[in-house]
Amino acid sequence: MRLSLETPLIQVAGIRDRAEAALVQECGVRYLGFPLRLPVNREDLTEAEAEAIIRSLRPPARGVLITYLDEAEAIDGFCRMLGARIVQLHGDISAAELARLRELDPGLTMIKSLVVGMYPISVLEGLVIELGPLVDGFLTDTYEPETGAAGATGRTHDWGVSRRLVELSPRPVILAGGLTPANVRRAISAVRPAGVDVHTGVEDAPGRKDRAKLLAFVAEASAAFGEYWPGRGAPELPPASGRSQRP
C-alpha cells in the first residue's frame, strides 16, 4: 500500500546520524531526508548508515531517499536496499522511467523535483502536466549555475514561479531552497505549498542540526500553514523556546 503525503508537511534533509534523526523527530519533524548518490554535493553519511537509520524509524516518522538517479531499475533497487518507501527524484528522469518505476514498485511514494532557474517556467509547467499523473508530489528547488547543483544550494529562488506551479499542479507541491526560520513564514505565505523542506537553514556553523533553529523553523512553518490551512499546521509540535524574527 502506497503511503500518502501527510500535508502540510515539514521535511528536514541531510540527516547525518542517529543522533540527528532523533533530534529532528523530537522537534516535531516527521519527514527525514537522506541525499545519496549525488552528482555534485558530498553525502552526509554512508549508504549503510542511512539504511540503518531508515529501517529503525517508526511511524509517524518517514525516511525519504533523495537522489539524482534517473533509471527505474536503479532507483527501485536502491530504495529496496535502504528500506525507503518514499523517494525524492532530482534527476532528469523521463515519464517512461517513472511509469516503469511505478510498475516495479506500486507502493513507492514518488516526489519529483522542479528546479527553478534551471529551466524556463514554461518547461516546468509542462513537466507538472506531463508527470502529474505519474507521481505523488512535486518539490520546487533552486538551481546554482556556478556549480551546476540542482538543489541543496542554500539559496532561495523566485517564489512567484513556485506559486504558479502550486496553482497548476494536480499533486501536492513542497517548497525547498534557502529556507530558514527567518523566511519560512513569508515563503509559505507567498507560495502556499503543501509542505516545506529545509537542509542547511537549520544547521550550525559545523554543519550539524541545531535544536533552537529546528524548533524555530517548525514553529514558524506551522504558524504559517495554520493561517491558510486552519487546524492543519505541522502535527505534534513541542513547545518552542522562541522564534526567529523575520526581516
C-alpha atoms as a PDB file:
ATOM      1  CA  MET A   1       0.000   0.000   0.000  1.00  0.00           C
ATOM      2  CA  ARG A   2       1.414   3.381  -1.035  1.00  0.00           C
ATOM      3  CA  LEU A   3       1.968   5.986   1.671  1.00  0.00           C
ATOM      4  CA  SER A   4       0.170   9.249   1.039  1.00  0.00           C
ATOM      5  CA  LEU A   5       1.949  12.504   1.823  1.00  0.00           C
ATOM      6  CA  GLU A   6       0.640  13.946   5.085  1.00  0.00           C
ATOM      7  CA  THR A   7       0.137  17.588   4.241  1.00  0.00           C
ATOM      8  CA  PRO A   8       1.077  20.160   5.282  1.00  0.00           C
ATOM      9  CA  LEU A   9       4.435  18.550   5.913  1.00  0.00           C
ATOM     10  CA  ILE A  10       7.850  19.618   7.110  1.00  0.00           C
ATOM     11  CA  GLN A  11      10.925  17.743   5.905  1.00  0.00           C
ATOM     12  CA  VAL A  12      14.477  18.105   7.177  1.00  0.00           C
ATOM     13  CA  ALA A  13      17.126  16.843   4.773  1.00  0.00           C
ATOM     14  CA  GLY A  14      20.757  15.952   5.313  1.00  0.00           C
ATOM     15  CA  ILE A  15      20.430  13.670   8.342  1.00  0.00           C
ATOM     16  CA  ARG A  16      23.953  12.766   9.414  1.00  0.00           C
ATOM     17  CA  ASP A  17      23.484  10.092  12.067  1.00  0.00           C
ATOM     18  CA  ARG A  18      21.090   8.524  14.561  1.00  0.00           C
ATOM     19  CA  ALA A  19      21.501  11.419  16.980  1.00  0.00           C
ATOM     20  CA  GLU A  20      20.322  13.927  14.352  1.00  0.00           C
ATOM     21  CA  ALA A  21      17.471  11.639  13.356  1.00  0.00           C
ATOM     22  CA  ALA A  22      16.322  11.560  16.965  1.00  0.00           C
ATOM     23  CA  LEU A  23      16.775  15.314  17.355  1.00  0.00           C
ATOM     24  CA  VAL A  24      14.654  16.323  14.368  1.00  0.00           C
ATOM     25  CA  GLN A  25      11.878  13.992  15.496  1.00  0.00           C
ATOM     26  CA  GLU A  26      11.989  15.496  18.992  1.00  0.00           C
ATOM     27  CA  CYS A  27      11.489  18.890  17.337  1.00  0.00           C
ATOM     28  CA  GLY A  28       8.276  17.785  15.612  1.00  0.00           C
ATOM     29  CA  VAL A  29       9.565  16.699  12.201  1.00  0.00           C
ATOM     30  CA  ARG A  30       8.212  13.527  10.607  1.00  0.00           C
ATOM     31  CA  TYR A  31       9.921  13.517   7.212  1.00  0.00           C
ATOM     32  CA  LEU A  32      13.674  12.858   7.298  1.00  0.00           C
ATOM     33  CA  GLY A  33      15.596  13.251   4.032  1.00  0.00           C
ATOM     34  CA  PHE A  34      18.717  11.308   3.061  1.00  0.00           C
ATOM     35  CA  PRO A  35      20.566  12.696  -0.010  1.00  0.00           C
ATOM     36  CA  LEU A  36      22.569   9.873  -1.603  1.00  0.00           C
ATOM     37  CA  ARG A  37      24.345   9.151  -4.911  1.00  0.00           C
ATOM     38  CA  LEU A  38      24.712  12.822  -5.691  1.00  0.00           C
ATOM     39  CA  PRO A  39      26.417  14.302  -8.769  1.00  0.00           C
ATOM     40  CA  VAL A  40      27.711  17.458  -7.066  1.00  0.00           C
ATOM     41  CA  ASN A  41      27.469  17.610  -3.273  1.00  0.00           C
ATOM     42  CA  ARG A  42      29.055  15.162  -0.844  1.00  0.00           C
ATOM     43  CA  GLU A  43      26.822  12.713   1.005  1.00  0.00           C
ATOM     44  CA  ASP A  44      26.238  13.379   4.700  1.00  0.00           C
ATOM     45  CA  LEU A  45      26.603   9.701   5.649  1.00  0.00           C
ATOM     46  CA  THR A  46      27.269   6.320   4.084  1.00  0.00           C
ATOM     47  CA  GLU A  47      24.583   4.247   2.430  1.00  0.00           C
ATOM     48  CA  ALA A  48      24.904   1.616   5.156  1.00  0.00           C
ATOM     49  CA  GLU A  49      24.420   4.269   7.841  1.00  0.00           C
ATOM     50  CA  ALA A  50      21.382   5.660   6.027  1.00  0.00           C
ATOM     51  CA  GLU A  51      19.883   2.202   5.701  1.00  0.00           C
ATOM     52  CA  ALA A  52      20.280   1.536   9.422  1.00  0.00           C
ATOM     53  CA  ILE A  53      18.533   4.801  10.330  1.00  0.00           C
ATOM     54  CA  ILE A  54      15.724   4.460   7.782  1.00  0.00           C
ATOM     55  CA  ARG A  55      14.951   0.908   8.874  1.00  0.00           C
ATOM     56  CA  SER A  56      14.941   1.983  12.528  1.00  0.00           C
ATOM     57  CA  LEU A  57      12.303   4.705  12.014  1.00  0.00           C
ATOM     58  CA  ARG A  58       8.842   4.034  13.340  1.00  0.00           C
ATOM     59  CA  PRO A  59       5.598   5.788  12.333  1.00  0.00           C
ATOM     60  CA  PRO A  60       4.845   8.604  12.118  1.00  0.00           C
ATOM     61  CA  ALA A  61       8.485   9.216  11.112  1.00  0.00           C
ATOM     62  CA  ARG A  62       9.318   8.536   7.468  1.00  0.00           C
ATOM     63  CA  GLY A  63      12.659   8.217   5.728  1.00  0.00           C
ATOM     64  CA  VAL A  64      12.923   9.865   2.303  1.00  0.00           C
ATOM     65  CA  LEU A  65      15.619   8.901  -0.186  1.00  0.00           C
ATOM     66  CA  ILE A  66      16.803  11.999  -2.086  1.00  0.00           C
ATOM     67  CA  THR A  67      18.709  11.025  -5.218  1.00  0.00           C
ATOM     68  CA  TYR A  68      19.635  12.019  -8.764  1.00  0.00           C
ATOM     69  CA  LEU A  69      19.339   8.522 -10.202  1.00  0.00           C
ATOM     70  CA  ASP A  70      17.199   8.567 -13.331  1.00  0.00           C
ATOM     71  CA  GLU A  71      16.696   4.912 -14.276  1.00  0.00           C
ATOM     72  CA  ALA A  72      13.783   2.951 -12.833  1.00  0.00           C
ATOM     73  CA  GLU A  73      15.658  -0.272 -12.098  1.00  0.00           C
ATOM     74  CA  ALA A  74      18.477   1.549 -10.298  1.00  0.00           C
ATOM     75  CA  ILE A  75      16.043   3.619  -8.207  1.00  0.00           C
ATOM     76  CA  ASP A  76      13.934   0.585  -7.342  1.00  0.00           C
ATOM     77  CA  GLY A  77      16.955  -1.428  -6.281  1.00  0.00           C
ATOM     78  CA  PHE A  78      18.383   1.420  -4.189  1.00  0.00           C
ATOM     79  CA  CYS A  79      15.069   2.029  -2.402  1.00  0.00           C
ATOM     80  CA  ARG A  80      14.737  -1.653  -1.593  1.00  0.00           C
ATOM     81  CA  MET A  81      18.300  -1.788  -0.297  1.00  0.00           C
ATOM     82  CA  LEU A  82      17.713   1.174   2.022  1.00  0.00           C
ATOM     83  CA  GLY A  83      14.182   0.227   3.049  1.00  0.00           C
ATOM     84  CA  ALA A  84      12.957   3.613   1.789  1.00  0.00           C
ATOM     85  CA  ARG A  85       9.276   3.856   0.864  1.00  0.00           C
ATOM     86  CA  ILE A  86       9.445   7.485  -0.286  1.00  0.00           C
ATOM     87  CA  VAL A  87      11.848   8.744  -2.939  1.00  0.00           C
ATOM     88  CA  GLN A  88      12.542  12.320  -3.986  1.00  0.00           C
ATOM     89  CA  LEU A  89      13.860  12.356  -7.548  1.00  0.00           C
ATOM     90  CA  HIS A  90      16.115  15.243  -8.581  1.00  0.00           C
ATOM     91  CA  GLY A  91      17.468  13.644 -11.736  1.00  0.00           C
ATOM     92  CA  ASP A  92      16.240  14.324 -15.249  1.00  0.00           C
ATOM     93  CA  ILE A  93      14.026  11.234 -15.253  1.00  0.00           C
ATOM     94  CA  SER A  94      11.628  10.642 -18.119  1.00  0.00           C
ATOM     95  CA  ALA A  95       7.916   9.908 -17.937  1.00  0.00           C
ATOM     96  CA  ALA A  96       8.620   6.436 -19.305  1.00  0.00           C
ATOM     97  CA  GLU A  97      11.081   5.696 -16.493  1.00  0.00           C
ATOM     98  CA  LEU A  98       8.634   6.995 -13.893  1.00  0.00           C
ATOM     99  CA  ALA A  99       5.935   4.740 -15.287  1.00  0.00           C
ATOM    100  CA  ARG A 100       8.360   1.834 -15.216  1.00  0.00           C
ATOM    101  CA  LEU A 101       9.275   2.613 -11.603  1.00  0.00           C
ATOM    102  CA  ARG A 102       5.591   2.561 -10.692  1.00  0.00           C
ATOM    103  CA  GLU A 103       5.291  -0.863 -12.330  1.00  0.00           C
ATOM    104  CA  LEU A 104       8.296  -2.171 -10.424  1.00  0.00           C
ATOM    105  CA  ASP A 105       7.017  -0.901  -7.076  1.00  0.00           C
ATOM    106  CA  PRO A 106       3.382   0.294  -6.994  1.00  0.00           C
ATOM    107  CA  GLY A 107       3.740   1.041  -3.279  1.00  0.00           C
ATOM    108  CA  LEU A 108       6.608   3.519  -3.647  1.00  0.00           C
ATOM    109  CA  THR A 109       5.732   7.168  -2.987  1.00  0.00           C
ATOM    110  CA  MET A 110       7.439   9.368  -5.586  1.00  0.00           C
ATOM    111  CA  ILE A 111       8.200  13.091  -5.368  1.00  0.00           C
ATOM    112  CA  LYS A 112       9.658  14.799  -8.455  1.00  0.00           C
ATOM    113  CA  SER A 113      11.773  17.926  -8.183  1.00  0.00           C
ATOM    114  CA  LEU A 114      11.137  21.017 -10.301  1.00  0.00           C
ATOM    115  CA  VAL A 115      14.333  23.057 -10.360  1.00  0.00           C
ATOM    116  CA  VAL A 116      13.597  26.763 -10.664  1.00  0.00           C
ATOM    117  CA  GLY A 117      16.230  28.633 -12.662  1.00  0.00           C
ATOM    118  CA  MET A 118      17.453  25.559 -14.481  1.00  0.00           C
ATOM    119  CA  TYR A 119      14.579  25.597 -16.979  1.00  0.00           C
ATOM    120  CA  PRO A 120      12.142  28.280 -18.178  1.00  0.00           C
ATOM    121  CA  ILE A 121       8.825  28.327 -16.359  1.00  0.00           C
ATOM    122  CA  SER A 122       7.088  27.015 -19.483  1.00  0.00           C
ATOM    123  CA  VAL A 123       9.199  23.840 -19.281  1.00  0.00           C
ATOM    124  CA  LEU A 124       8.402  23.427 -15.566  1.00  0.00           C
ATOM    125  CA  GLU A 125       4.708  23.891 -16.280  1.00  0.00           C
ATOM    126  CA  GLY A 126       4.942  21.226 -18.961  1.00  0.00           C
ATOM    127  CA  LEU A 127       6.590  18.820 -16.527  1.00  0.00           C
ATOM    128  CA  VAL A 128       3.816  19.354 -13.992  1.00  0.00           C
ATOM    129  CA  ILE A 129       1.188  18.489 -16.581  1.00  0.00           C
ATOM    130  CA  GLU A 130       3.121  15.557 -18.057  1.00  0.00           C
ATOM    131  CA  LEU A 131       4.368  13.973 -14.841  1.00  0.00           C
ATOM    132  CA  GLY A 132       1.487  14.812 -12.515  1.00  0.00           C
ATOM    133  CA  PRO A 133      -0.378  11.548 -13.228  1.00  0.00           C
ATOM    134  CA  LEU A 134       2.780   9.522 -12.525  1.00  0.00           C
ATOM    135  CA  VAL A 135       3.999  10.944  -9.201  1.00  0.00           C
ATOM    136  CA  ASP A 136       2.614  11.616  -5.738  1.00  0.00           C
ATOM    137  CA  GLY A 137       4.021  15.101  -5.340  1.00  0.00           C
ATOM    138  CA  PHE A 138       6.460  17.726  -6.578  1.00  0.00           C
ATOM    139  CA  LEU A 139       9.197  19.739  -4.875  1.00  0.00           C
ATOM    140  CA  THR A 140      10.459  23.092  -6.131  1.00  0.00           C
ATOM    141  CA  ASP A 141      14.126  23.816  -5.512  1.00  0.00           C
ATOM    142  CA  THR A 142      16.886  26.196  -6.616  1.00  0.00           C
ATOM    143  CA  TYR A 143      19.450  25.881  -9.406  1.00  0.00           C
ATOM    144  CA  GLU A 144      23.001  27.111  -8.806  1.00  0.00           C
ATOM    145  CA  PRO A 145      24.670  27.841 -12.168  1.00  0.00           C
ATOM    146  CA  GLU A 146      28.144  28.262 -10.649  1.00  0.00           C
ATOM    147  CA  THR A 147      28.275  24.638  -9.509  1.00  0.00           C
ATOM    148  CA  GLY A 148      25.507  23.053 -11.557  1.00  0.00           C
ATOM    149  CA  ALA A 149      23.764  21.968  -8.355  1.00  0.00           C
ATOM    150  CA  ALA A 150      20.062  21.290  -8.842  1.00  0.00           C
ATOM    151  CA  GLY A 151      19.052  21.640  -5.210  1.00  0.00           C
ATOM    152  CA  ALA A 152      20.864  21.704  -1.857  1.00  0.00           C
ATOM    153  CA  THR A 153      22.246  25.144  -2.734  1.00  0.00           C
ATOM    154  CA  GLY A 154      21.168  27.055   0.364  1.00  0.00           C
ATOM    155  CA  ARG A 155      19.662  29.673  -1.958  1.00  0.00           C
ATOM    156  CA  THR A 156      16.113  30.858  -2.451  1.00  0.00           C
ATOM    157  CA  HIS A 157      14.529  31.250  -5.881  1.00  0.00           C
ATOM    158  CA  ASP A 158      11.676  33.216  -7.422  1.00  0.00           C
ATOM    159  CA  TRP A 159       8.757  32.233  -5.206  1.00  0.00           C
ATOM    160  CA  GLY A 160       6.381  33.535  -7.857  1.00  0.00           C
ATOM    161  CA  VAL A 161       7.414  30.618 -10.072  1.00  0.00           C
ATOM    162  CA  SER A 162       6.755  28.137  -7.282  1.00  0.00           C
ATOM    163  CA  ARG A 163       3.373  29.748  -6.601  1.00  0.00           C
ATOM    164  CA  ARG A 164       2.432  29.307 -10.256  1.00  0.00           C
ATOM    165  CA  LEU A 165       3.404  25.624 -10.117  1.00  0.00           C
ATOM    166  CA  VAL A 166       1.382  25.140  -6.926  1.00  0.00           C
ATOM    167  CA  GLU A 167      -1.664  26.605  -8.669  1.00  0.00           C
ATOM    168  CA  LEU A 168      -1.158  24.380 -11.723  1.00  0.00           C
ATOM    169  CA  SER A 169      -0.208  21.099 -10.076  1.00  0.00           C
ATOM    170  CA  PRO A 170      -2.707  18.280  -9.524  1.00  0.00           C
ATOM    171  CA  ARG A 171      -0.356  16.968  -6.813  1.00  0.00           C
ATOM    172  CA  PRO A 172       0.976  18.462  -3.558  1.00  0.00           C
ATOM    173  CA  VAL A 173       3.965  20.768  -4.059  1.00  0.00           C
ATOM    174  CA  ILE A 174       6.700  21.070  -1.431  1.00  0.00           C
ATOM    175  CA  LEU A 175       8.822  24.228  -1.322  1.00  0.00           C
ATOM    176  CA  ALA A 176      12.600  23.981  -0.846  1.00  0.00           C
ATOM    177  CA  GLY A 177      15.572  26.230  -1.444  1.00  0.00           C
ATOM    178  CA  GLY A 178      17.271  28.501   1.063  1.00  0.00           C
ATOM    179  CA  LEU A 179      14.571  28.271   3.723  1.00  0.00           C
ATOM    180  CA  THR A 180      15.395  29.330   7.290  1.00  0.00           C
ATOM    181  CA  PRO A 181      13.473  30.139  10.467  1.00  0.00           C
ATOM    182  CA  ALA A 182      13.660  33.788   9.402  1.00  0.00           C
ATOM    183  CA  ASN A 183      11.997  33.429   5.991  1.00  0.00           C
ATOM    184  CA  VAL A 184       9.886  30.269   6.034  1.00  0.00           C
ATOM    185  CA  ARG A 185       6.714  32.051   7.162  1.00  0.00           C
ATOM    186  CA  ARG A 186       6.958  34.575   4.326  1.00  0.00           C
ATOM    187  CA  ALA A 187       7.783  31.794   1.879  1.00  0.00           C
ATOM    188  CA  ILE A 188       4.721  29.763   2.816  1.00  0.00           C
ATOM    189  CA  SER A 189       2.505  32.834   2.651  1.00  0.00           C
ATOM    190  CA  ALA A 190       3.833  33.683  -0.813  1.00  0.00           C
ATOM    191  CA  VAL A 191       3.783  30.187  -2.329  1.00  0.00           C
ATOM    192  CA  ARG A 192       1.008  28.328  -0.448  1.00  0.00           C
ATOM    193  CA  PRO A 193       2.815  24.980  -0.720  1.00  0.00           C
ATOM    194  CA  ALA A 194       1.696  21.659   0.733  1.00  0.00           C
ATOM    195  CA  GLY A 195       4.960  21.392   2.634  1.00  0.00           C
ATOM    196  CA  VAL A 196       8.456  22.782   3.136  1.00  0.00           C
ATOM    197  CA  ASP A 197      11.912  21.209   3.028  1.00  0.00           C
ATOM    198  CA  VAL A 198      14.962  22.553   4.845  1.00  0.00           C
ATOM    199  CA  HIS A 199      18.575  21.454   4.986  1.00  0.00           C
ATOM    200  CA  THR A 200      21.343  23.943   5.797  1.00  0.00           C
ATOM    201  CA  GLY A 201      18.881  26.520   7.134  1.00  0.00           C
ATOM    202  CA  VAL A 202      18.624  24.662  10.449  1.00  0.00           C
ATOM    203  CA  GLU A 203      22.322  23.860  10.848  1.00  0.00           C
ATOM    204  CA  ASP A 204      25.029  25.484  12.936  1.00  0.00           C
ATOM    205  CA  ALA A 205      28.468  26.503  11.665  1.00  0.00           C
ATOM    206  CA  PRO A 206      29.957  22.972  11.801  1.00  0.00           C
ATOM    207  CA  GLY A 207      27.040  21.694   9.738  1.00  0.00           C
ATOM    208  CA  ARG A 208      25.103  19.945  12.492  1.00  0.00           C
ATOM    209  CA  LYS A 209      21.359  20.311  13.012  1.00  0.00           C
ATOM    210  CA  ASP A 210      20.689  22.925  15.693  1.00  0.00           C
ATOM    211  CA  ARG A 211      17.854  22.355  18.170  1.00  0.00           C
ATOM    212  CA  ALA A 212      16.951  26.025  18.554  1.00  0.00           C
ATOM    213  CA  LYS A 213      16.856  26.553  14.784  1.00  0.00           C
ATOM    214  CA  LEU A 214      14.806  23.407  14.277  1.00  0.00           C
ATOM    215  CA  LEU A 215      12.264  24.453  16.892  1.00  0.00           C
ATOM    216  CA  ALA A 216      12.049  27.960  15.447  1.00  0.00           C
ATOM    217  CA  PHE A 217      11.648  26.632  11.890  1.00  0.00           C
ATOM    218  CA  VAL A 218       8.897  24.200  12.863  1.00  0.00           C
ATOM    219  CA  ALA A 219       7.083  26.874  14.878  1.00  0.00           C
ATOM    220  CA  GLU A 220       7.243  29.450  12.091  1.00  0.00           C
ATOM    221  CA  ALA A 221       6.211  26.979   9.395  1.00  0.00           C
ATOM    222  CA  SER A 222       3.341  25.639  11.480  1.00  0.00           C
ATOM    223  CA  ALA A 223       2.062  29.130  12.205  1.00  0.00           C
ATOM    224  CA  ALA A 224       2.156  29.978   8.505  1.00  0.00           C
ATOM    225  CA  PHE A 225       0.369  26.781   7.485  1.00  0.00           C
ATOM    226  CA  GLY A 226      -2.265  27.455  10.117  1.00  0.00           C
ATOM    227  CA  GLU A 227      -3.020  30.855   8.612  1.00  0.00           C
ATOM    228  CA  TYR A 228      -4.363  29.425   5.351  1.00  0.00           C
ATOM    229  CA  TRP A 229      -4.836  25.782   6.323  1.00  0.00           C
ATOM    230  CA  PRO A 230      -6.838  26.116   9.581  1.00  0.00           C
ATOM    231  CA  GLY A 231      -6.347  23.293  12.016  1.00  0.00           C
ATOM    232  CA  ARG A 232      -3.652  21.697   9.887  1.00  0.00           C
ATOM    233  CA  GLY A 233      -0.330  23.076  10.957  1.00  0.00           C
ATOM    234  CA  ALA A 234       2.523  20.636  11.450  1.00  0.00           C
ATOM    235  CA  PRO A 235       1.435  17.930  13.912  1.00  0.00           C
ATOM    236  CA  GLU A 236       2.551  17.322  17.467  1.00  0.00           C
ATOM    237  CA  LEU A 237       4.707  20.370  17.940  1.00  0.00           C
ATOM    238  CA  PRO A 238       6.846  20.582  21.066  1.00  0.00           C
ATOM    239  CA  PRO A 239       6.826  23.908  22.920  1.00  0.00           C
ATOM    240  CA  ALA A 240       9.284  26.291  21.304  1.00  0.00           C
ATOM    241  CA  SER A 241      11.586  28.338  23.453  1.00  0.00           C
ATOM    242  CA  GLY A 242      11.482  31.219  20.995  1.00  0.00           C
ATOM    243  CA  ARG A 243      11.139  32.214  17.383  1.00  0.00           C
ATOM    244  CA  SER A 244      13.487  33.870  14.966  1.00  0.00           C
ATOM    245  CA  GLN A 245      12.447  37.328  13.908  1.00  0.00           C
ATOM    246  CA  ARG A 246      11.607  37.802  10.254  1.00  0.00           C
ATOM    247  CA  PRO A 247      13.250  40.618   8.337  1.00  0.00           C
END
